[in-house]
């Protein structure tokens, strides 16, 4: 039976950015904010209503709508894949110009994580989303794992030719929530998933470095996306019934990288 609209979960999806570009033939002087279709359809496959959360600040901003308002209204948020995280966001200088990333999007994403964390709403990250969540909570990254890791068997994770057909094996650490979702999965070890421990009343945060939304329904070549999706949406449904406000920021390393919402406003005003 089809769910009535009133019973469906409302899931936020972080925006991707395409900044003003004089060389672009359309909207050349405008900042574009958009979502990638497959991740929206992934969430919709389980009946969720998907809402892109636009950046509320910038030179065309009007009104008083804030990211905290979206966090109060929505049941959870998914952090998109996309551009590299700017090394400056985790206290490093870019080793190459190609790794400079997008500082404005970093600040927007950090502010979005901050808003949903403070509201106690579930957060799920994909690819860049995992890296961004790690940075938000005080972590660092390899700017380029192929060049910096130095292991002869380092896998190529970015291939613009094969893109969503670029696969490799994973191994899930036993005893984790992910191992319970995939009890029969056995393969080579690569650390590509994170999850916050739910103790002390903290809200749900989880992420995968891989793109679960790229899985083709019924395929046995890639990890089934359904258990991950249902786990996140179950957390959203649970939080909707029994909401809780997180107070974990007080003792958290990085404090969402030093109050990202304020930094985002300042950076966009300077632009």
C-alpha atoms as a PDB file:
ATOM      1  CA  UNK A   1       0.000   0.000   0.000  1.00  0.00           C
ATOM      2  CA  UNK A   2       1.293   3.445  -0.900  1.00  0.00           C
ATOM      3  CA  UNK A   3       2.135   5.622   2.086  1.00  0.00           C
ATOM      4  CA  UNK A   4       0.140   8.835   2.494  1.00  0.00           C
ATOM      5  CA  UNK A   5       2.232  11.967   2.102  1.00  0.00           C
ATOM      6  CA  UNK A   6       1.773  12.871   5.768  1.00  0.00           C
ATOM      7  CA  UNK A   7       3.403   9.576   6.835  1.00  0.00           C
ATOM      8  CA  UNK A   8       6.464   9.851   4.587  1.00  0.00           C
ATOM      9  CA  UNK A   9       9.833  10.872   5.963  1.00  0.00           C
ATOM     10  CA  UNK A  10      11.197  14.246   4.834  1.00  0.00           C
ATOM     11  CA  UNK A  11      14.908  13.845   4.094  1.00  0.00           C
ATOM     12  CA  UNK A  12      17.201  16.753   3.346  1.00  0.00           C
ATOM     13  CA  UNK A  13      19.882  16.423   0.686  1.00  0.00           C
ATOM     14  CA  UNK A  14      22.879  18.743   0.758  1.00  0.00           C
ATOM     15  CA  UNK A  15      23.390  20.933  -2.293  1.00  0.00           C
ATOM     16  CA  UNK A  16      26.187  20.636  -4.837  1.00  0.00           C
ATOM     17  CA  UNK A  17      27.664  23.946  -6.014  1.00  0.00           C
ATOM     18  CA  UNK A  18      28.569  25.293  -9.436  1.00  0.00           C
ATOM     19  CA  UNK A  19      29.888  28.798  -8.877  1.00  0.00           C
ATOM     20  CA  UNK A  20      29.504  31.697 -11.299  1.00  0.00           C
ATOM     21  CA  UNK A  21      31.610  31.059 -14.396  1.00  0.00           C
ATOM     22  CA  UNK A  22      31.922  33.555 -17.298  1.00  0.00           C
ATOM     23  CA  UNK A  23      32.789  30.673 -19.637  1.00  0.00           C
ATOM     24  CA  UNK A  24      29.485  28.909 -18.975  1.00  0.00           C
ATOM     25  CA  UNK A  25      26.892  29.468 -21.691  1.00  0.00           C
ATOM     26  CA  UNK A  26      23.909  29.518 -19.317  1.00  0.00           C
ATOM     27  CA  UNK A  27      23.582  31.322 -15.956  1.00  0.00           C
ATOM     28  CA  UNK A  28      27.183  32.444 -16.357  1.00  0.00           C
ATOM     29  CA  UNK A  29      27.022  35.015 -13.549  1.00  0.00           C
ATOM     30  CA  UNK A  30      24.931  32.913 -11.175  1.00  0.00           C
ATOM     31  CA  UNK A  31      25.780  30.328  -8.536  1.00  0.00           C
ATOM     32  CA  UNK A  32      23.956  27.075  -9.241  1.00  0.00           C
ATOM     33  CA  UNK A  33      22.928  24.701  -6.456  1.00  0.00           C
ATOM     34  CA  UNK A  34      21.760  21.245  -7.481  1.00  0.00           C
ATOM     35  CA  UNK A  35      21.432  17.565  -6.564  1.00  0.00           C
ATOM     36  CA  UNK A  36      22.711  14.496  -8.390  1.00  0.00           C
ATOM     37  CA  UNK A  37      19.756  12.461  -9.613  1.00  0.00           C
ATOM     38  CA  UNK A  38      20.723   8.952  -8.504  1.00  0.00           C
ATOM     39  CA  UNK A  39      21.086   9.799  -4.803  1.00  0.00           C
ATOM     40  CA  UNK A  40      17.710  11.551  -4.758  1.00  0.00           C
ATOM     41  CA  UNK A  41      16.126   8.524  -6.447  1.00  0.00           C
ATOM     42  CA  UNK A  42      17.904   6.222  -3.964  1.00  0.00           C
ATOM     43  CA  UNK A  43      16.177   7.922  -1.047  1.00  0.00           C
ATOM     44  CA  UNK A  44      12.869   8.100  -2.897  1.00  0.00           C
ATOM     45  CA  UNK A  45      13.014   4.340  -3.574  1.00  0.00           C
ATOM     46  CA  UNK A  46      12.066   3.788   0.074  1.00  0.00           C
ATOM     47  CA  UNK A  47       9.233   6.301  -0.039  1.00  0.00           C
ATOM     48  CA  UNK A  48      11.067   9.303   1.411  1.00  0.00           C
ATOM     49  CA  UNK A  49      10.276  12.845   0.314  1.00  0.00           C
ATOM     50  CA  UNK A  50      13.590  14.438  -0.703  1.00  0.00           C
ATOM     51  CA  UNK A  51      14.263  18.127  -0.245  1.00  0.00           C
ATOM     52  CA  UNK A  52      17.444  19.885  -1.364  1.00  0.00           C
ATOM     53  CA  UNK A  53      18.697  22.177   1.400  1.00  0.00           C
ATOM     54  CA  UNK A  54      19.965  25.329  -0.354  1.00  0.00           C
ATOM     55  CA  UNK A  55      22.679  27.494   1.130  1.00  0.00           C
ATOM     56  CA  UNK A  56      20.749  30.363   2.791  1.00  0.00           C
ATOM     57  CA  UNK A  57      23.552  32.940   2.556  1.00  0.00           C
ATOM     58  CA  UNK A  58      25.179  34.727  -0.382  1.00  0.00           C
ATOM     59  CA  UNK A  59      24.931  37.984  -2.331  1.00  0.00           C
ATOM     60  CA  UNK A  60      21.298  37.326  -3.356  1.00  0.00           C
ATOM     61  CA  UNK A  61      20.115  36.192   0.109  1.00  0.00           C
ATOM     62  CA  UNK A  62      16.831  37.535   1.471  1.00  0.00           C
ATOM     63  CA  UNK A  63      14.696  36.736   4.472  1.00  0.00           C
ATOM     64  CA  UNK A  64      15.586  34.988   7.716  1.00  0.00           C
ATOM     65  CA  UNK A  65      15.543  31.274   6.760  1.00  0.00           C
ATOM     66  CA  UNK A  66      18.438  29.373   8.364  1.00  0.00           C
ATOM     67  CA  UNK A  67      19.893  25.887   8.122  1.00  0.00           C
ATOM     68  CA  UNK A  68      18.689  25.359  11.691  1.00  0.00           C
ATOM     69  CA  UNK A  69      15.120  25.831  10.434  1.00  0.00           C
ATOM     70  CA  UNK A  70      15.624  22.998   7.937  1.00  0.00           C
ATOM     71  CA  UNK A  71      17.109  20.836  10.684  1.00  0.00           C
ATOM     72  CA  UNK A  72      14.036  21.442  12.826  1.00  0.00           C
ATOM     73  CA  UNK A  73      11.597  20.725   9.972  1.00  0.00           C
ATOM     74  CA  UNK A  74      13.256  17.734   8.262  1.00  0.00           C
ATOM     75  CA  UNK A  75      13.656  14.207   9.676  1.00  0.00           C
ATOM     76  CA  UNK A  76      17.293  13.690   8.622  1.00  0.00           C
ATOM     77  CA  UNK A  77      19.907  14.764   6.094  1.00  0.00           C
ATOM     78  CA  UNK A  78      22.209  13.095   3.552  1.00  0.00           C
ATOM     79  CA  UNK A  79      25.527  14.692   2.684  1.00  0.00           C
ATOM     80  CA  UNK A  80      26.257  14.452  -1.045  1.00  0.00           C
ATOM     81  CA  UNK A  81      29.353  13.244  -2.813  1.00  0.00           C
ATOM     82  CA  UNK A  82      31.276  15.694  -4.968  1.00  0.00           C
ATOM     83  CA  UNK A  83      34.295  17.997  -4.890  1.00  0.00           C
ATOM     84  CA  UNK A  84      37.355  17.353  -2.724  1.00  0.00           C
ATOM     85  CA  UNK A  85      37.363  18.810   0.770  1.00  0.00           C
ATOM     86  CA  UNK A  86      39.658  21.858   0.848  1.00  0.00           C
ATOM     87  CA  UNK A  87      42.781  20.876   2.863  1.00  0.00           C
ATOM     88  CA  UNK A  88      42.524  24.164   4.731  1.00  0.00           C
ATOM     89  CA  UNK A  89      39.298  22.849   6.264  1.00  0.00           C
ATOM     90  CA  UNK A  90      41.395  20.363   8.244  1.00  0.00           C
ATOM     91  CA  UNK A  91      44.395  22.611   8.842  1.00  0.00           C
ATOM     92  CA  UNK A  92      46.634  21.746   5.885  1.00  0.00           C
ATOM     93  CA  UNK A  93      47.961  23.577   2.836  1.00  0.00           C
ATOM     94  CA  UNK A  94      46.984  22.017  -0.542  1.00  0.00           C
ATOM     95  CA  UNK A  95      49.953  20.062  -1.907  1.00  0.00           C
ATOM     96  CA  UNK A  96      48.714  20.609  -5.458  1.00  0.00           C
ATOM     97  CA  UNK A  97      46.399  23.150  -7.086  1.00  0.00           C
ATOM     98  CA  UNK A  98      44.253  20.245  -8.276  1.00  0.00           C
ATOM     99  CA  UNK A  99      43.404  19.441  -4.636  1.00  0.00           C
ATOM    100  CA  UNK A 100      42.231  22.900  -3.659  1.00  0.00           C
ATOM    101  CA  UNK A 101      38.579  21.792  -3.406  1.00  0.00           C
ATOM    102  CA  UNK A 102      35.719  24.196  -2.701  1.00  0.00           C
ATOM    103  CA  UNK A 103      36.034  26.161   0.545  1.00  0.00           C
ATOM    104  CA  UNK A 104      32.564  27.731   0.301  1.00  0.00           C
ATOM    105  CA  UNK A 105      30.911  24.355  -0.111  1.00  0.00           C
ATOM    106  CA  UNK A 106      32.968  23.018   2.810  1.00  0.00           C
ATOM    107  CA  UNK A 107      31.675  25.781   5.068  1.00  0.00           C
ATOM    108  CA  UNK A 108      28.097  25.207   3.891  1.00  0.00           C
ATOM    109  CA  UNK A 109      28.372  21.447   4.493  1.00  0.00           C
ATOM    110  CA  UNK A 110      29.996  21.942   7.896  1.00  0.00           C
ATOM    111  CA  UNK A 111      27.223  24.362   8.870  1.00  0.00           C
ATOM    112  CA  UNK A 112      24.616  21.844   7.696  1.00  0.00           C
ATOM    113  CA  UNK A 113      26.169  19.062   9.782  1.00  0.00           C
ATOM    114  CA  UNK A 114      26.307  21.483  12.714  1.00  0.00           C
ATOM    115  CA  UNK A 115      22.597  22.327  12.395  1.00  0.00           C
ATOM    116  CA  UNK A 116      21.407  18.711  12.212  1.00  0.00           C
ATOM    117  CA  UNK A 117      23.816  17.591  14.947  1.00  0.00           C
ATOM    118  CA  UNK A 118      22.491  20.285  17.277  1.00  0.00           C
ATOM    119  CA  UNK A 119      18.900  19.313  16.436  1.00  0.00           C
ATOM    120  CA  UNK A 120      19.678  15.664  17.185  1.00  0.00           C
ATOM    121  CA  UNK A 121      18.591  14.582  13.679  1.00  0.00           C
ATOM    122  CA  UNK A 122      20.216  11.636  11.810  1.00  0.00           C
ATOM    123  CA  UNK A 123      23.005  12.398   9.330  1.00  0.00           C
ATOM    124  CA  UNK A 124      24.251  10.071   6.576  1.00  0.00           C
ATOM    125  CA  UNK A 125      27.250  10.844   4.356  1.00  0.00           C
ATOM    126  CA  UNK A 126      28.308   9.466   0.973  1.00  0.00           C
ATOM    127  CA  UNK A 127      31.896   9.709  -0.370  1.00  0.00           C
ATOM    128  CA  UNK A 128      32.754  13.396   0.119  1.00  0.00           C
ATOM    129  CA  UNK A 129      30.033  13.326   2.771  1.00  0.00           C
ATOM    130  CA  UNK A 130      32.037  10.809   4.837  1.00  0.00           C
ATOM    131  CA  UNK A 131      35.184  12.910   4.518  1.00  0.00           C
ATOM    132  CA  UNK A 132      33.320  16.087   5.431  1.00  0.00           C
ATOM    133  CA  UNK A 133      31.766  14.496   8.537  1.00  0.00           C
ATOM    134  CA  UNK A 134      35.205  13.295   9.590  1.00  0.00           C
ATOM    135  CA  UNK A 135      36.600  16.806   9.187  1.00  0.00           C
ATOM    136  CA  UNK A 136      33.607  18.345  11.011  1.00  0.00           C
ATOM    137  CA  UNK A 137      34.430  16.315  14.100  1.00  0.00           C
ATOM    138  CA  UNK A 138      38.123  17.243  14.129  1.00  0.00           C
ATOM    139  CA  UNK A 139      39.553  14.599  11.765  1.00  0.00           C
ATOM    140  CA  UNK A 140      42.075  14.938   8.935  1.00  0.00           C
ATOM    141  CA  UNK A 141      42.420  13.362   5.486  1.00  0.00           C
ATOM    142  CA  UNK A 142      44.988  12.175   2.985  1.00  0.00           C
ATOM    143  CA  UNK A 143      44.894  14.839   0.281  1.00  0.00           C
ATOM    144  CA  UNK A 144      45.580  12.086  -2.259  1.00  0.00           C
ATOM    145  CA  UNK A 145      45.720   8.500  -1.033  1.00  0.00           C
ATOM    146  CA  UNK A 146      47.565   7.232  -4.115  1.00  0.00           C
ATOM    147  CA  UNK A 147      50.464   9.679  -3.666  1.00  0.00           C
ATOM    148  CA  UNK A 148      50.590  10.031   0.114  1.00  0.00           C
ATOM    149  CA  UNK A 149      49.861   6.519   1.315  1.00  0.00           C
ATOM    150  CA  UNK A 150      52.863   5.031  -0.467  1.00  0.00           C
ATOM    151  CA  UNK A 151      51.675   1.412  -0.458  1.00  0.00           C
ATOM    152  CA  UNK A 152      52.282  -0.541  -3.707  1.00  0.00           C
ATOM    153  CA  UNK A 153      48.759  -1.995  -3.587  1.00  0.00           C
ATOM    154  CA  UNK A 154      46.961   1.323  -3.084  1.00  0.00           C
ATOM    155  CA  UNK A 155      43.727   1.266  -5.058  1.00  0.00           C
ATOM    156  CA  UNK A 156      42.667   3.954  -7.518  1.00  0.00           C
ATOM    157  CA  UNK A 157      39.476   5.447  -6.093  1.00  0.00           C
ATOM    158  CA  UNK A 158      38.804   8.130  -8.683  1.00  0.00           C
ATOM    159  CA  UNK A 159      38.513   7.230 -12.343  1.00  0.00           C
ATOM    160  CA  UNK A 160      36.713   9.783 -14.532  1.00  0.00           C
ATOM    161  CA  UNK A 161      36.350   7.244 -17.341  1.00  0.00           C
ATOM    162  CA  UNK A 162      34.683   4.396 -15.436  1.00  0.00           C
ATOM    163  CA  UNK A 163      33.244   6.634 -12.662  1.00  0.00           C
ATOM    164  CA  UNK A 164      30.263   4.726 -11.204  1.00  0.00           C
ATOM    165  CA  UNK A 165      31.634   1.453 -12.608  1.00  0.00           C
ATOM    166  CA  UNK A 166      34.882   1.743 -10.602  1.00  0.00           C
ATOM    167  CA  UNK A 167      34.584  -1.119  -8.074  1.00  0.00           C
ATOM    168  CA  UNK A 168      36.774  -2.725  -5.441  1.00  0.00           C
ATOM    169  CA  UNK A 169      36.238  -5.127  -2.565  1.00  0.00           C
ATOM    170  CA  UNK A 170      35.630  -4.237   1.068  1.00  0.00           C
ATOM    171  CA  UNK A 171      35.769  -6.047   4.392  1.00  0.00           C
ATOM    172  CA  UNK A 172      33.429  -5.125   7.226  1.00  0.00           C
ATOM    173  CA  UNK A 173      34.812  -5.132  10.766  1.00  0.00           C
ATOM    174  CA  UNK A 174      33.094  -7.802  12.826  1.00  0.00           C
ATOM    175  CA  UNK A 175      30.979  -6.720  15.757  1.00  0.00           C
ATOM    176  CA  UNK A 176      29.953  -3.428  14.154  1.00  0.00           C
ATOM    177  CA  UNK A 177      26.466  -2.351  13.169  1.00  0.00           C
ATOM    178  CA  UNK A 178      27.483  -2.641   9.514  1.00  0.00           C
ATOM    179  CA  UNK A 179      28.501  -6.287  10.013  1.00  0.00           C
ATOM    180  CA  UNK A 180      25.006  -6.971  11.369  1.00  0.00           C
ATOM    181  CA  UNK A 181      23.479  -5.386   8.275  1.00  0.00           C
ATOM    182  CA  UNK A 182      25.702  -7.551   6.037  1.00  0.00           C
ATOM    183  CA  UNK A 183      26.354 -10.800   7.946  1.00  0.00           C
ATOM    184  CA  UNK A 184      27.516 -12.756   4.876  1.00  0.00           C
ATOM    185  CA  UNK A 185      29.903 -10.200   3.377  1.00  0.00           C
ATOM    186  CA  UNK A 186      33.537 -11.356   3.200  1.00  0.00           C
ATOM    187  CA  UNK A 187      36.300  -9.761   1.141  1.00  0.00           C
ATOM    188  CA  UNK A 188      39.495  -7.669   1.265  1.00  0.00           C
ATOM    189  CA  UNK A 189      39.838  -5.009   3.952  1.00  0.00           C
ATOM    190  CA  UNK A 190      39.476  -1.296   3.156  1.00  0.00           C
ATOM    191  CA  UNK A 191      38.298   1.201   5.849  1.00  0.00           C
ATOM    192  CA  UNK A 192      35.449   2.893   4.006  1.00  0.00           C
ATOM    193  CA  UNK A 193      32.613   3.319   6.484  1.00  0.00           C
ATOM    194  CA  UNK A 194      32.138   5.195   9.738  1.00  0.00           C
ATOM    195  CA  UNK A 195      29.407   5.304  12.365  1.00  0.00           C
ATOM    196  CA  UNK A 196      29.054   7.231  15.581  1.00  0.00           C
ATOM    197  CA  UNK A 197      28.492   5.114  18.661  1.00  0.00           C
ATOM    198  CA  UNK A 198      24.929   5.684  19.900  1.00  0.00           C
ATOM    199  CA  UNK A 199      25.850   5.732  23.587  1.00  0.00           C
ATOM    200  CA  UNK A 200      25.044   8.638  25.910  1.00  0.00           C
ATOM    201  CA  UNK A 201      21.990   9.584  23.867  1.00  0.00           C
ATOM    202  CA  UNK A 202      23.866  10.925  20.867  1.00  0.00           C
ATOM    203  CA  UNK A 203      22.098  11.152  17.523  1.00  0.00           C
ATOM    204  CA  UNK A 204      22.712   8.852  14.543  1.00  0.00           C
ATOM    205  CA  UNK A 205      25.643   9.684  12.253  1.00  0.00           C
ATOM    206  CA  UNK A 206      26.960   7.196   9.669  1.00  0.00           C
ATOM    207  CA  UNK A 207      28.682   7.359   6.280  1.00  0.00           C
ATOM    208  CA  UNK A 208      30.228   5.266   3.515  1.00  0.00           C
ATOM    209  CA  UNK A 209      33.126   6.175   1.252  1.00  0.00           C
ATOM    210  CA  UNK A 210      31.461   4.203  -1.530  1.00  0.00           C
ATOM    211  CA  UNK A 211      28.250   5.279  -3.269  1.00  0.00           C
ATOM    212  CA  UNK A 212      25.434   2.916  -2.215  1.00  0.00           C
ATOM    213  CA  UNK A 213      23.104   4.693  -4.643  1.00  0.00           C
ATOM    214  CA  UNK A 214      25.217   3.442  -7.584  1.00  0.00           C
ATOM    215  CA  UNK A 215      24.161  -0.156  -6.872  1.00  0.00           C
ATOM    216  CA  UNK A 216      21.885  -1.511  -9.593  1.00  0.00           C
ATOM    217  CA  UNK A 217      18.796  -3.166  -8.165  1.00  0.00           C
ATOM    218  CA  UNK A 218      19.154  -6.955  -8.245  1.00  0.00           C
ATOM    219  CA  UNK A 219      22.874  -6.909  -9.145  1.00  0.00           C
ATOM    220  CA  UNK A 220      25.233  -9.233  -7.267  1.00  0.00           C
ATOM    221  CA  UNK A 221      28.391  -7.390  -8.387  1.00  0.00           C
ATOM    222  CA  UNK A 222      28.137  -4.621  -5.768  1.00  0.00           C
ATOM    223  CA  UNK A 223      26.963  -4.351  -2.156  1.00  0.00           C
ATOM    224  CA  UNK A 224      23.174  -4.214  -1.837  1.00  0.00           C
ATOM    225  CA  UNK A 225      22.243  -0.652  -0.864  1.00  0.00           C
ATOM    226  CA  UNK A 226      18.950  -1.579   0.841  1.00  0.00           C
ATOM    227  CA  UNK A 227      20.193  -2.436   4.378  1.00  0.00           C
ATOM    228  CA  UNK A 228      22.156   0.835   4.624  1.00  0.00           C
ATOM    229  CA  UNK A 229      19.229   2.906   3.365  1.00  0.00           C
ATOM    230  CA  UNK A 230      16.721   1.235   5.675  1.00  0.00           C
ATOM    231  CA  UNK A 231      19.060   1.601   8.660  1.00  0.00           C
ATOM    232  CA  UNK A 232      19.322   5.355   8.087  1.00  0.00           C
ATOM    233  CA  UNK A 233      15.606   5.829   7.477  1.00  0.00           C
ATOM    234  CA  UNK A 234      14.759   3.735  10.533  1.00  0.00           C
ATOM    235  CA  UNK A 235      16.946   6.100  12.582  1.00  0.00           C
ATOM    236  CA  UNK A 236      15.063   9.043  11.055  1.00  0.00           C
ATOM    237  CA  UNK A 237      11.686   7.494  11.884  1.00  0.00           C
ATOM    238  CA  UNK A 238      12.824   6.739  15.436  1.00  0.00           C
ATOM    239  CA  UNK A 239      14.111  10.275  15.976  1.00  0.00           C
ATOM    240  CA  UNK A 240      10.831  11.638  14.632  1.00  0.00           C
ATOM    241  CA  UNK A 241       8.886   9.721  17.276  1.00  0.00           C
ATOM    242  CA  UNK A 242      11.353  10.355  20.105  1.00  0.00           C
ATOM    243  CA  UNK A 243      13.318  13.521  19.251  1.00  0.00           C
ATOM    244  CA  UNK A 244      16.395  14.443  21.215  1.00  0.00           C
ATOM    245  CA  UNK A 245      18.621  17.487  21.162  1.00  0.00           C
ATOM    246  CA  UNK A 246      22.335  16.732  21.087  1.00  0.00           C
ATOM    247  CA  UNK A 247      24.651  18.370  23.612  1.00  0.00           C
ATOM    248  CA  UNK A 248      27.778  16.559  22.443  1.00  0.00           C
ATOM    249  CA  UNK A 249      29.296  19.647  20.781  1.00  0.00           C
ATOM    250  CA  UNK A 250      30.467  21.012  24.118  1.00  0.00           C
ATOM    251  CA  UNK A 251      33.255  18.474  24.423  1.00  0.00           C
ATOM    252  CA  UNK A 252      33.751  17.693  20.745  1.00  0.00           C
ATOM    253  CA  UNK A 253      37.125  18.118  18.984  1.00  0.00           C
ATOM    254  CA  UNK A 254      36.895  20.825  16.348  1.00  0.00           C
ATOM    255  CA  UNK A 255      33.413  21.944  17.478  1.00  0.00           C
ATOM    256  CA  UNK A 256      32.230  21.422  13.884  1.00  0.00           C
ATOM    257  CA  UNK A 257      35.379  23.208  12.796  1.00  0.00           C
ATOM    258  CA  UNK A 258      34.808  26.238  15.007  1.00  0.00           C
ATOM    259  CA  UNK A 259      31.177  27.144  14.345  1.00  0.00           C
ATOM    260  CA  UNK A 260      30.878  26.729  10.585  1.00  0.00           C
ATOM    261  CA  UNK A 261      27.642  28.699  10.197  1.00  0.00           C
ATOM    262  CA  UNK A 262      29.332  31.911  11.372  1.00  0.00           C
ATOM    263  CA  UNK A 263      32.356  31.313   9.134  1.00  0.00           C
ATOM    264  CA  UNK A 264      30.101  30.643   6.145  1.00  0.00           C
ATOM    265  CA  UNK A 265      28.323  33.967   6.566  1.00  0.00           C
ATOM    266  CA  UNK A 266      31.622  35.814   6.874  1.00  0.00           C
ATOM    267  CA  UNK A 267      33.166  34.118   3.821  1.00  0.00           C
ATOM    268  CA  UNK A 268      30.189  34.880   1.591  1.00  0.00           C
ATOM    269  CA  UNK A 269      30.046  38.482   2.757  1.00  0.00           C
ATOM    270  CA  UNK A 270      33.706  38.895   1.765  1.00  0.00           C
ATOM    271  CA  UNK A 271      32.902  37.557  -1.705  1.00  0.00           C
END
